C-alpha atoms as a PDB file:
ATOM      1  CA  MET A   1     107.596 109.204  68.898  1.00  0.00           C
ATOM      2  CA  PRO A   2     108.810 109.681  72.685  1.00  0.00           C
ATOM      3  CA  LEU A   3     109.565 106.848  74.853  1.00  0.00           C
ATOM      4  CA  ALA A   4     106.907 106.363  77.830  1.00  0.00           C
ATOM      5  CA  CYS A   5     108.926 106.708  81.221  1.00  0.00           C
ATOM      6  CA  PRO A   6     107.176 104.287  83.620  1.00  0.00           C
ATOM      7  CA  THR A   7     106.274 105.717  87.228  1.00  0.00           C
ATOM      8  CA  ASP A   8     106.621 102.567  89.101  1.00  0.00           C
ATOM      9  CA  ALA A   9     108.476  99.214  89.345  1.00  0.00           C
ATOM     10  CA  VAL A  10     107.607  95.789  90.854  1.00  0.00           C
ATOM     11  CA  LEU A  11     110.387  93.564  91.912  1.00  0.00           C
ATOM     12  CA  TYR A  12     109.346  89.887  93.069  1.00  0.00           C
ATOM     13  CA  SER A  13     111.506  87.418  94.957  1.00  0.00           C
ATOM     14  CA  TYR A  14     110.754  84.090  96.573  1.00  0.00           C
ATOM     15  CA  GLY A  15     112.817  82.219  99.030  1.00  0.00           C
ATOM     16  CA  PRO A  16     112.368  80.053 102.000  1.00  0.00           C
ATOM     17  CA  ASP A  17     113.718  82.798 104.497  1.00  0.00           C
ATOM     18  CA  ALA A  18     112.625  86.810 103.110  1.00  0.00           C
ATOM     19  CA  ASP A  19     115.047  88.364 105.768  1.00  0.00           C
ATOM     20  CA  ALA A  20     118.213  86.105 104.430  1.00  0.00           C
ATOM     21  CA  LEU A  21     117.183  87.332 100.994  1.00  0.00           C
ATOM     22  CA  PHE A  22     116.770  91.239 101.625  1.00  0.00           C
ATOM     23  CA  LYS A  23     119.898  90.648 103.043  1.00  0.00           C
ATOM     24  CA  VAL A  24     121.633  89.835 100.263  1.00  0.00           C
ATOM     25  CA  MET A  25     119.761  91.532  97.649  1.00  0.00           C
ATOM     26  CA  GLU A  26     119.402  94.809 100.379  1.00  0.00           C
ATOM     27  CA  PRO A  27     122.884  96.444  98.698  1.00  0.00           C
ATOM     28  CA  ALA A  28     121.793  96.378  95.053  1.00  0.00           C
ATOM     29  CA  LEU A  29     118.520  97.862  96.023  1.00  0.00           C
ATOM     30  CA  ARG A  30     119.539 100.833  97.741  1.00  0.00           C
ATOM     31  CA  GLU A  31     122.098 101.712  94.790  1.00  0.00           C
ATOM     32  CA  LEU A  32     118.669 101.522  92.032  1.00  0.00           C
ATOM     33  CA  PRO A  33     117.878 105.720  91.205  1.00  0.00           C
ATOM     34  CA  PHE A  34     114.044 104.591  91.985  1.00  0.00           C
ATOM     35  CA  ARG A  35     112.515 106.662  94.789  1.00  0.00           C
ATOM     36  CA  PRO A  36     110.541 106.893  96.778  1.00  0.00           C
ATOM     37  CA  ALA A  37     110.825 103.054  97.256  1.00  0.00           C
ATOM     38  CA  TYR A  38     110.090 100.824  99.824  1.00  0.00           C
ATOM     39  CA  VAL A  39     110.780  96.758 100.370  1.00  0.00           C
ATOM     40  CA  VAL A  40     107.594  94.553 101.755  1.00  0.00           C
ATOM     41  CA  LEU A  41     108.809  91.338 103.529  1.00  0.00           C
ATOM     42  CA  ARG A  42     105.948  89.083 103.703  1.00  0.00           C
ATOM     43  CA  ARG A  43     107.641  86.014 106.264  1.00  0.00           C
ATOM     44  CA  GLY A  44     104.632  82.994 105.803  1.00  0.00           C
ATOM     45  CA  ASP A  45     103.616  81.037 102.939  1.00  0.00           C
ATOM     46  CA  ALA A  46     101.718  82.667  99.763  1.00  0.00           C
ATOM     47  CA  GLY A  47      97.940  81.246 100.931  1.00  0.00           C
ATOM     48  CA  ASP A  48      98.807  82.077 104.786  1.00  0.00           C
ATOM     49  CA  ALA A  49      96.586  84.538 105.858  1.00  0.00           C
ATOM     50  CA  GLU A  50      98.442  85.528 108.814  1.00  0.00           C
ATOM     51  CA  ALA A  51     102.009  85.734 107.629  1.00  0.00           C
ATOM     52  CA  VAL A  52     103.617  88.649 109.820  1.00  0.00           C
ATOM     53  CA  VAL A  53     104.440  91.283 106.859  1.00  0.00           C
ATOM     54  CA  SER A  54     106.617  94.602 107.140  1.00  0.00           C
ATOM     55  CA  ARG A  55     107.938  97.439 104.915  1.00  0.00           C
ATOM     56  CA  VAL A  56     111.434  98.571 105.117  1.00  0.00           C
ATOM     57  CA  ASP A  57     111.868 102.242 103.675  1.00  0.00           C
ATOM     58  CA  LEU A  58     114.778 102.442 101.182  1.00  0.00           C
END
């Protein structure tokens, strides 16, 4: 039986500073072979409806 190949991958990371966390993870994320790929940075608490959200294409 052939192995199924997933078409999507989702990684979640949580911390007090989205930008600092992304700065540390960015080199490894850019080396992943998955394309197209992007990162969503959410600046605020999980329940904050007014949290600032931005997208970074890899």
